[in-house]
Amino acid sequence: AIASIVKKHNTYTYLGLAGDPTSGVFYYLDKAPVNY
């Protein structure tokens, strides 16, 4: 669904994820682990 919106506007988008500066592991913005 998000990709269809991105493709419609012919650009890229940011996702609600943030990377740990030390480990480089990404989490959701509420610090929960990513499941997909």
PDB file of all heavy atoms in Angstrom:
ATOM      1  N   ALA A   1       0.830  -1.204   0.000  1.00  0.00           N
ATOM      2  CA  ALA A   1       0.000   0.000   0.000  1.00  0.00           C
ATOM      3  C   ALA A   1       0.868   1.260   0.000  1.00  0.00           C
ATOM      4  O   ALA A   1       0.628   2.209  -0.768  1.00  0.00           O
ATOM      5  CB  ALA A   1      -0.923  -0.005   1.213  1.00  0.00           C
ATOM      6  N   ILE A   2       1.886   1.294   0.852  1.00  0.00           N
ATOM      7  CA  ILE A   2       2.776   2.467   0.896  1.00  0.00           C
ATOM      8  C   ILE A   2       3.541   2.609  -0.419  1.00  0.00           C
ATOM      9  O   ILE A   2       3.710   3.718  -0.953  1.00  0.00           O
ATOM     10  CB  ILE A   2       3.749   2.344   2.087  1.00  0.00           C
ATOM     11  CG1 ILE A   2       2.973   2.323   3.412  1.00  0.00           C
ATOM     12  CG2 ILE A   2       4.752   3.498   2.086  1.00  0.00           C
ATOM     13  CD1 ILE A   2       3.834   2.044   4.629  1.00  0.00           C
ATOM     14  N   ALA A   3       3.994   1.467  -0.965  1.00  0.00           N
ATOM     15  CA  ALA A   3       4.732   1.509  -2.232  1.00  0.00           C
ATOM     16  C   ALA A   3       3.872   2.059  -3.366  1.00  0.00           C
ATOM     17  O   ALA A   3       4.367   2.746  -4.261  1.00  0.00           O
ATOM     18  CB  ALA A   3       5.235   0.103  -2.584  1.00  0.00           C
ATOM     19  N   SER A   4       2.559   1.758  -3.335  1.00  0.00           N
ATOM     20  CA  SER A   4       1.680   2.272  -4.395  1.00  0.00           C
ATOM     21  C   SER A   4       1.576   3.793  -4.331  1.00  0.00           C
ATOM     22  O   SER A   4       1.500   4.463  -5.374  1.00  0.00           O
ATOM     23  CB  SER A   4       0.297   1.632  -4.280  1.00  0.00           C
ATOM     24  OG  SER A   4      -0.360   2.055  -3.101  1.00  0.00           O
ATOM     25  N   ILE A   5       1.592   4.351  -3.116  1.00  0.00           N
ATOM     26  CA  ILE A   5       1.560   5.807  -2.985  1.00  0.00           C
ATOM     27  C   ILE A   5       2.878   6.409  -3.464  1.00  0.00           C
ATOM     28  O   ILE A   5       2.908   7.436  -4.160  1.00  0.00           O
ATOM     29  CB  ILE A   5       1.275   6.201  -1.518  1.00  0.00           C
ATOM     30  CG1 ILE A   5      -0.107   5.683  -1.081  1.00  0.00           C
ATOM     31  CG2 ILE A   5       1.348   7.717  -1.343  1.00  0.00           C
ATOM     32  CD1 ILE A   5      -0.428   5.934   0.384  1.00  0.00           C
ATOM     33  N   VAL A   6       3.987   5.759  -3.102  1.00  0.00           N
ATOM     34  CA  VAL A   6       5.307   6.237  -3.534  1.00  0.00           C
ATOM     35  C   VAL A   6       5.411   6.224  -5.057  1.00  0.00           C
ATOM     36  O   VAL A   6       5.890   7.188  -5.688  1.00  0.00           O
ATOM     37  CB  VAL A   6       6.409   5.359  -2.906  1.00  0.00           C
ATOM     38  CG1 VAL A   6       7.773   5.713  -3.497  1.00  0.00           C
ATOM     39  CG2 VAL A   6       6.440   5.532  -1.392  1.00  0.00           C
ATOM     40  N   LYS A   7       4.962   5.133  -5.650  1.00  0.00           N
ATOM     41  CA  LYS A   7       5.032   5.003  -7.113  1.00  0.00           C
ATOM     42  C   LYS A   7       4.148   6.042  -7.796  1.00  0.00           C
ATOM     43  O   LYS A   7       4.505   6.607  -8.841  1.00  0.00           O
ATOM     44  CB  LYS A   7       4.622   3.594  -7.516  1.00  0.00           C
ATOM     45  CG  LYS A   7       4.790   3.308  -8.997  1.00  0.00           C
ATOM     46  CD  LYS A   7       4.446   1.853  -9.300  1.00  0.00           C
ATOM     47  CE  LYS A   7       4.640   1.554 -10.782  1.00  0.00           C
ATOM     48  NZ  LYS A   7       4.328   0.124 -11.096  1.00  0.00           N
ATOM     49  N   LYS A   8       2.984   6.306  -7.202  1.00  0.00           N
ATOM     50  CA  LYS A   8       2.065   7.296  -7.782  1.00  0.00           C
ATOM     51  C   LYS A   8       2.706   8.674  -7.831  1.00  0.00           C
ATOM     52  O   LYS A   8       2.525   9.425  -8.798  1.00  0.00           O
ATOM     53  CB  LYS A   8       0.773   7.324  -6.952  1.00  0.00           C
ATOM     54  CG  LYS A   8      -0.231   8.368  -7.415  1.00  0.00           C
ATOM     55  CD  LYS A   8      -1.466   8.359  -6.529  1.00  0.00           C
ATOM     56  CE  LYS A   8      -2.457   9.434  -6.941  1.00  0.00           C
ATOM     57  NZ  LYS A   8      -3.655   9.446  -6.070  1.00  0.00           N
ATOM     58  N   HIS A   9       3.502   9.022  -6.803  1.00  0.00           N
ATOM     59  CA  HIS A   9       4.136  10.342  -6.743  1.00  0.00           C
ATOM     60  C   HIS A   9       5.551  10.326  -7.338  1.00  0.00           C
ATOM     61  O   HIS A   9       6.231  11.364  -7.322  1.00  0.00           O
ATOM     62  CB  HIS A   9       4.174  10.835  -5.301  1.00  0.00           C
ATOM     63  CG  HIS A   9       2.817  11.223  -4.764  1.00  0.00           C
ATOM     64  ND1 HIS A   9       2.327  12.507  -4.835  1.00  0.00           N
ATOM     65  CD2 HIS A   9       1.852  10.477  -4.176  1.00  0.00           C
ATOM     66  CE1 HIS A   9       1.120  12.552  -4.285  1.00  0.00           C
ATOM     67  NE2 HIS A   9       0.807  11.333  -3.872  1.00  0.00           N
ATOM     68  N   ASN A  10       5.991   9.151  -7.815  1.00  0.00           N
ATOM     69  CA  ASN A  10       7.266   9.020  -8.513  1.00  0.00           C
ATOM     70  C   ASN A  10       8.437   9.551  -7.679  1.00  0.00           C
ATOM     71  O   ASN A  10       9.243  10.374  -8.133  1.00  0.00           O
ATOM     72  CB  ASN A  10       7.207   9.748  -9.865  1.00  0.00           C
ATOM     73  CG  ASN A  10       8.368   9.363 -10.770  1.00  0.00           C
ATOM     74  OD1 ASN A  10       8.880   8.243 -10.690  1.00  0.00           O
ATOM     75  ND2 ASN A  10       8.793  10.284 -11.625  1.00  0.00           N
ATOM     76  N   THR A  11       8.511   9.083  -6.437  1.00  0.00           N
ATOM     77  CA  THR A  11       9.572   9.526  -5.545  1.00  0.00           C
ATOM     78  C   THR A  11       9.817   8.442  -4.498  1.00  0.00           C
ATOM     79  O   THR A  11       9.292   7.331  -4.618  1.00  0.00           O
ATOM     80  CB  THR A  11       9.178  10.859  -4.872  1.00  0.00           C
ATOM     81  OG1 THR A  11      10.279  11.316  -4.089  1.00  0.00           O
ATOM     82  CG2 THR A  11       7.947  10.719  -4.016  1.00  0.00           C
ATOM     83  N   TYR A  12      10.601   8.768  -3.448  1.00  0.00           N
ATOM     84  CA  TYR A  12      10.846   7.853  -2.338  1.00  0.00           C
ATOM     85  C   TYR A  12      10.167   8.432  -1.093  1.00  0.00           C
ATOM     86  O   TYR A  12       9.683   9.563  -1.087  1.00  0.00           O
ATOM     87  CB  TYR A  12      12.346   7.690  -2.059  1.00  0.00           C
ATOM     88  CG  TYR A  12      13.151   7.122  -3.217  1.00  0.00           C
ATOM     89  CD1 TYR A  12      14.544   7.239  -3.229  1.00  0.00           C
ATOM     90  CD2 TYR A  12      12.539   6.468  -4.276  1.00  0.00           C
ATOM     91  CE1 TYR A  12      15.300   6.720  -4.266  1.00  0.00           C
ATOM     92  CE2 TYR A  12      13.282   5.958  -5.328  1.00  0.00           C
ATOM     93  CZ  TYR A  12      14.665   6.086  -5.327  1.00  0.00           C
ATOM     94  OH  TYR A  12      15.398   5.579  -6.363  1.00  0.00           O
ATOM     95  N   THR A  13      10.098   7.615  -0.024  1.00  0.00           N
ATOM     96  CA  THR A  13       9.522   8.089   1.230  1.00  0.00           C
ATOM     97  C   THR A  13      10.319   7.539   2.399  1.00  0.00           C
ATOM     98  O   THR A  13      10.991   6.499   2.289  1.00  0.00           O
ATOM     99  CB  THR A  13       8.046   7.664   1.366  1.00  0.00           C
ATOM    100  OG1 THR A  13       7.477   8.321   2.502  1.00  0.00           O
ATOM    101  CG2 THR A  13       7.901   6.163   1.545  1.00  0.00           C
ATOM    102  N   TYR A  14      10.262   8.250   3.539  1.00  0.00           N
ATOM    103  CA  TYR A  14      10.853   7.742   4.774  1.00  0.00           C
ATOM    104  C   TYR A  14       9.842   6.827   5.474  1.00  0.00           C
ATOM    105  O   TYR A  14       8.619   7.034   5.393  1.00  0.00           O
ATOM    106  CB  TYR A  14      11.222   8.890   5.717  1.00  0.00           C
ATOM    107  CG  TYR A  14      12.534   9.569   5.396  1.00  0.00           C
ATOM    108  CD1 TYR A  14      12.596  10.943   5.170  1.00  0.00           C
ATOM    109  CD2 TYR A  14      13.710   8.839   5.350  1.00  0.00           C
ATOM    110  CE1 TYR A  14      13.797  11.578   4.886  1.00  0.00           C
ATOM    111  CE2 TYR A  14      14.926   9.465   5.071  1.00  0.00           C
ATOM    112  CZ  TYR A  14      14.959  10.820   4.834  1.00  0.00           C
ATOM    113  OH  TYR A  14      16.151  11.438   4.552  1.00  0.00           O
ATOM    114  N   LEU A  15      10.349   5.826   6.194  1.00  0.00           N
ATOM    115  CA  LEU A  15       9.521   4.931   6.995  1.00  0.00           C
ATOM    116  C   LEU A  15       9.738   5.229   8.473  1.00  0.00           C
ATOM    117  O   LEU A  15      10.767   5.791   8.862  1.00  0.00           O
ATOM    118  CB  LEU A  15       9.856   3.461   6.701  1.00  0.00           C
ATOM    119  CG  LEU A  15       9.672   3.008   5.257  1.00  0.00           C
ATOM    120  CD1 LEU A  15      10.067   1.535   5.094  1.00  0.00           C
ATOM    121  CD2 LEU A  15       8.235   3.218   4.791  1.00  0.00           C
ATOM    122  N   GLY A  16       8.786   4.828   9.291  1.00  0.00           N
ATOM    123  CA  GLY A  16       8.850   5.081  10.729  1.00  0.00           C
ATOM    124  C   GLY A  16       9.786   4.127  11.446  1.00  0.00           C
ATOM    125  O   GLY A  16       9.357   3.364  12.324  1.00  0.00           O
ATOM    126  N   LEU A  17      11.058   4.167  11.073  1.00  0.00           N
ATOM    127  CA  LEU A  17      12.089   3.335  11.685  1.00  0.00           C
ATOM    128  C   LEU A  17      13.285   4.216  12.039  1.00  0.00           C
ATOM    129  O   LEU A  17      13.523   5.248  11.400  1.00  0.00           O
ATOM    130  CB  LEU A  17      12.530   2.214  10.738  1.00  0.00           C
ATOM    131  CG  LEU A  17      11.460   1.196  10.315  1.00  0.00           C
ATOM    132  CD1 LEU A  17      11.976   0.344   9.151  1.00  0.00           C
ATOM    133  CD2 LEU A  17      11.073   0.310  11.488  1.00  0.00           C
ATOM    134  N   ALA A  18      14.027   3.774  13.057  1.00  0.00           N
ATOM    135  CA  ALA A  18      15.236   4.518  13.465  1.00  0.00           C
ATOM    136  C   ALA A  18      16.327   3.511  13.808  1.00  0.00           C
ATOM    137  O   ALA A  18      16.070   2.477  14.431  1.00  0.00           O
ATOM    138  CB  ALA A  18      14.933   5.415  14.659  1.00  0.00           C
ATOM    139  N   GLY A  19      17.580   3.810  13.374  1.00  0.00           N
ATOM    140  CA  GLY A  19      18.697   2.899  13.599  1.00  0.00           C
ATOM    141  C   GLY A  19      19.494   3.260  14.842  1.00  0.00           C
ATOM    142  O   GLY A  19      19.676   4.439  15.168  1.00  0.00           O
ATOM    143  N   ASP A  20      19.965   2.227  15.536  1.00  0.00           N
ATOM    144  CA  ASP A  20      20.827   2.447  16.695  1.00  0.00           C
ATOM    145  C   ASP A  20      22.213   2.858  16.188  1.00  0.00           C
ATOM    146  O   ASP A  20      22.808   2.154  15.367  1.00  0.00           O
ATOM    147  CB  ASP A  20      20.906   1.164  17.530  1.00  0.00           C
ATOM    148  CG  ASP A  20      21.711   1.352  18.792  1.00  0.00           C
ATOM    149  OD1 ASP A  20      22.949   1.193  18.732  1.00  0.00           O
ATOM    150  OD2 ASP A  20      21.093   1.639  19.826  1.00  0.00           O
ATOM    151  N   PRO A  21      22.752   3.983  16.657  1.00  0.00           N
ATOM    152  CA  PRO A  21      24.044   4.455  16.129  1.00  0.00           C
ATOM    153  C   PRO A  21      25.207   3.525  16.459  1.00  0.00           C
ATOM    154  O   PRO A  21      26.230   3.547  15.766  1.00  0.00           O
ATOM    155  CB  PRO A  21      24.226   5.816  16.803  1.00  0.00           C
ATOM    156  CG  PRO A  21      23.370   5.771  18.021  1.00  0.00           C
ATOM    157  CD  PRO A  21      22.201   4.895  17.673  1.00  0.00           C
ATOM    158  N   THR A  22      25.061   2.703  17.469  1.00  0.00           N
ATOM    159  CA  THR A  22      26.157   1.816  17.868  1.00  0.00           C
ATOM    160  C   THR A  22      26.072   0.471  17.166  1.00  0.00           C
ATOM    161  O   THR A  22      27.006   0.024  16.495  1.00  0.00           O
ATOM    162  CB  THR A  22      26.155   1.604  19.392  1.00  0.00           C
ATOM    163  OG1 THR A  22      26.221   2.861  20.049  1.00  0.00           O
ATOM    164  CG2 THR A  22      27.328   0.729  19.814  1.00  0.00           C
ATOM    165  N   SER A  23      24.916  -0.183  17.297  1.00  0.00           N
ATOM    166  CA  SER A  23      24.761  -1.528  16.733  1.00  0.00           C
ATOM    167  C   SER A  23      24.331  -1.514  15.275  1.00  0.00           C
ATOM    168  O   SER A  23      24.531  -2.491  14.556  1.00  0.00           O
ATOM    169  CB  SER A  23      23.748  -2.324  17.562  1.00  0.00           C
ATOM    170  OG  SER A  23      22.458  -1.726  17.475  1.00  0.00           O
ATOM    171  N   GLY A  24      23.711  -0.413  14.833  1.00  0.00           N
ATOM    172  CA  GLY A  24      23.193  -0.354  13.461  1.00  0.00           C
ATOM    173  C   GLY A  24      21.879  -1.106  13.284  1.00  0.00           C
ATOM    174  O   GLY A  24      21.367  -1.210  12.166  1.00  0.00           O
ATOM    175  N   VAL A  25      21.311  -1.644  14.384  1.00  0.00           N
ATOM    176  CA  VAL A  25      20.022  -2.361  14.323  1.00  0.00           C
ATOM    177  C   VAL A  25      18.894  -1.334  14.285  1.00  0.00           C
ATOM    178  O   VAL A  25      18.927  -0.318  15.006  1.00  0.00           O
ATOM    179  CB  VAL A  25      19.865  -3.300  15.540  1.00  0.00           C
ATOM    180  CG1 VAL A  25      18.511  -3.984  15.504  1.00  0.00           C
ATOM    181  CG2 VAL A  25      20.994  -4.333  15.552  1.00  0.00           C
ATOM    182  N   PHE A  26      17.894  -1.593  13.476  1.00  0.00           N
ATOM    183  CA  PHE A  26      16.759  -0.673  13.346  1.00  0.00           C
ATOM    184  C   PHE A  26      15.590  -1.128  14.228  1.00  0.00           C
ATOM    185  O   PHE A  26      15.329  -2.322  14.395  1.00  0.00           O
ATOM    186  CB  PHE A  26      16.315  -0.578  11.885  1.00  0.00           C
ATOM    187  CG  PHE A  26      17.244   0.244  11.038  1.00  0.00           C
ATOM    188  CD1 PHE A  26      18.350  -0.345  10.417  1.00  0.00           C
ATOM    189  CD2 PHE A  26      17.042   1.605  10.901  1.00  0.00           C
ATOM    190  CE1 PHE A  26      19.210   0.421   9.658  1.00  0.00           C
ATOM    191  CE2 PHE A  26      17.903   2.376  10.128  1.00  0.00           C
ATOM    192  CZ  PHE A  26      18.994   1.785   9.509  1.00  0.00           C
ATOM    193  N   TYR A  27      14.884  -0.135  14.781  1.00  0.00           N
ATOM    194  CA  TYR A  27      13.718  -0.364  15.629  1.00  0.00           C
ATOM    195  C   TYR A  27      12.573   0.527  15.148  1.00  0.00           C
ATOM    196  O   TYR A  27      12.776   1.494  14.400  1.00  0.00           O
ATOM    197  CB  TYR A  27      14.048  -0.015  17.095  1.00  0.00           C
ATOM    198  CG  TYR A  27      15.128  -0.882  17.703  1.00  0.00           C
ATOM    199  CD1 TYR A  27      16.472  -0.499  17.630  1.00  0.00           C
ATOM    200  CD2 TYR A  27      14.808  -2.059  18.367  1.00  0.00           C
ATOM    201  CE1 TYR A  27      17.476  -1.276  18.204  1.00  0.00           C
ATOM    202  CE2 TYR A  27      15.805  -2.850  18.937  1.00  0.00           C
ATOM    203  CZ  TYR A  27      17.130  -2.455  18.846  1.00  0.00           C
ATOM    204  OH  TYR A  27      18.116  -3.239  19.404  1.00  0.00           O
ATOM    205  N   TYR A  28      11.360   0.186  15.632  1.00  0.00           N
ATOM    206  CA  TYR A  28      10.252   1.113  15.440  1.00  0.00           C
ATOM    207  C   TYR A  28      10.501   2.340  16.318  1.00  0.00           C
ATOM    208  O   TYR A  28      11.314   2.308  17.248  1.00  0.00           O
ATOM    209  CB  TYR A  28       8.916   0.461  15.806  1.00  0.00           C
ATOM    210  CG  TYR A  28       8.529  -0.697  14.889  1.00  0.00           C
ATOM    211  CD1 TYR A  28       8.373  -1.986  15.392  1.00  0.00           C
ATOM    212  CD2 TYR A  28       8.312  -0.480  13.535  1.00  0.00           C
ATOM    213  CE1 TYR A  28       8.016  -3.034  14.555  1.00  0.00           C
ATOM    214  CE2 TYR A  28       7.959  -1.527  12.688  1.00  0.00           C
ATOM    215  CZ  TYR A  28       7.819  -2.806  13.196  1.00  0.00           C
ATOM    216  OH  TYR A  28       7.486  -3.842  12.369  1.00  0.00           O
ATOM    217  N   LEU A  29       9.780   3.423  16.043  1.00  0.00           N
ATOM    218  CA  LEU A  29      10.016   4.664  16.772  1.00  0.00           C
ATOM    219  C   LEU A  29       9.651   4.550  18.250  1.00  0.00           C
ATOM    220  O   LEU A  29      10.082   5.391  19.049  1.00  0.00           O
ATOM    221  CB  LEU A  29       9.229   5.806  16.121  1.00  0.00           C
ATOM    222  CG  LEU A  29       9.625   6.123  14.674  1.00  0.00           C
ATOM    223  CD1 LEU A  29       8.836   7.323  14.151  1.00  0.00           C
ATOM    224  CD2 LEU A  29      11.127   6.385  14.564  1.00  0.00           C
ATOM    225  N   ASP A  30       8.846   3.529  18.621  1.00  0.00           N
ATOM    226  CA  ASP A  30       8.550   3.320  20.040  1.00  0.00           C
ATOM    227  C   ASP A  30       9.531   2.343  20.685  1.00  0.00           C
ATOM    228  O   ASP A  30       9.265   1.808  21.763  1.00  0.00           O
ATOM    229  CB  ASP A  30       7.112   2.809  20.213  1.00  0.00           C
ATOM    230  CG  ASP A  30       6.874   1.487  19.468  1.00  0.00           C
ATOM    231  OD1 ASP A  30       7.823   0.971  18.848  1.00  0.00           O
ATOM    232  OD2 ASP A  30       5.742   0.985  19.509  1.00  0.00           O
ATOM    233  N   LYS A  31      10.648   2.077  20.004  1.00  0.00           N
ATOM    234  CA  LYS A  31      11.733   1.216  20.474  1.00  0.00           C
ATOM    235  C   LYS A  31      11.403  -0.282  20.403  1.00  0.00           C
ATOM    236  O   LYS A  31      12.201  -1.113  20.850  1.00  0.00           O
ATOM    237  CB  LYS A  31      12.137   1.556  21.924  1.00  0.00           C
ATOM    238  CG  LYS A  31      12.508   3.020  22.137  1.00  0.00           C
ATOM    239  CD  LYS A  31      13.666   3.440  21.253  1.00  0.00           C
ATOM    240  CE  LYS A  31      14.065   4.897  21.512  1.00  0.00           C
ATOM    241  NZ  LYS A  31      15.172   5.334  20.629  1.00  0.00           N
ATOM    242  N   ALA A  32      10.249  -0.638  19.844  1.00  0.00           N
ATOM    243  CA  ALA A  32       9.897  -2.054  19.715  1.00  0.00           C
ATOM    244  C   ALA A  32      10.699  -2.673  18.572  1.00  0.00           C
ATOM    245  O   ALA A  32      11.030  -1.993  17.580  1.00  0.00           O
ATOM    246  CB  ALA A  32       8.398  -2.207  19.444  1.00  0.00           C
ATOM    247  N   PRO A  33      11.041  -3.979  18.675  1.00  0.00           N
ATOM    248  CA  PRO A  33      11.807  -4.629  17.598  1.00  0.00           C
ATOM    249  C   PRO A  33      10.978  -4.743  16.318  1.00  0.00           C
ATOM    250  O   PRO A  33       9.754  -4.854  16.359  1.00  0.00           O
ATOM    251  CB  PRO A  33      12.142  -6.004  18.178  1.00  0.00           C
ATOM    252  CG  PRO A  33      11.118  -6.238  19.233  1.00  0.00           C
ATOM    253  CD  PRO A  33      10.794  -4.897  19.815  1.00  0.00           C
ATOM    254  N   VAL A  34      11.649  -4.719  15.191  1.00  0.00           N
ATOM    255  CA  VAL A  34      10.977  -4.785  13.894  1.00  0.00           C
ATOM    256  C   VAL A  34      10.579  -6.241  13.600  1.00  0.00           C
ATOM    257  O   VAL A  34      11.395  -7.161  13.723  1.00  0.00           O
ATOM    258  CB  VAL A  34      11.907  -4.253  12.779  1.00  0.00           C
ATOM    259  CG1 VAL A  34      11.234  -4.390  11.422  1.00  0.00           C
ATOM    260  CG2 VAL A  34      12.277  -2.804  13.057  1.00  0.00           C
ATOM    261  N   ASN A  35       9.326  -6.447  13.218  1.00  0.00           N
ATOM    262  CA  ASN A  35       8.844  -7.809  12.937  1.00  0.00           C
ATOM    263  C   ASN A  35       8.639  -8.071  11.446  1.00  0.00           C
ATOM    264  O   ASN A  35       8.242  -9.164  11.056  1.00  0.00           O
ATOM    265  CB  ASN A  35       7.533  -8.081  13.688  1.00  0.00           C
ATOM    266  CG  ASN A  35       6.424  -7.118  13.287  1.00  0.00           C
ATOM    267  OD1 ASN A  35       6.622  -6.245  12.453  1.00  0.00           O
ATOM    268  ND2 ASN A  35       5.253  -7.277  13.884  1.00  0.00           N
ATOM    269  N   TYR A  36       8.865  -7.058  10.611  1.00  0.00           N
ATOM    270  CA  TYR A  36       8.731  -7.247   9.158  1.00  0.00           C
ATOM    271  C   TYR A  36       9.733  -6.327   8.463  1.00  0.00           C
ATOM    272  O   TYR A  36       9.868  -5.148   8.816  1.00  0.00           O
ATOM    273  CB  TYR A  36       7.314  -6.933   8.683  1.00  0.00           C
ATOM    274  CG  TYR A  36       7.202  -6.860   7.177  1.00  0.00           C
ATOM    275  CD1 TYR A  36       7.122  -8.014   6.407  1.00  0.00           C
ATOM    276  CD2 TYR A  36       7.225  -5.626   6.510  1.00  0.00           C
ATOM    277  CE1 TYR A  36       7.054  -7.962   5.023  1.00  0.00           C
ATOM    278  CE2 TYR A  36       7.155  -5.565   5.128  1.00  0.00           C
ATOM    279  CZ  TYR A  36       7.078  -6.732   4.390  1.00  0.00           C
ATOM    280  OH  TYR A  36       7.023  -6.680   3.024  1.00  0.00           O
TER     281      TYR A  36
END
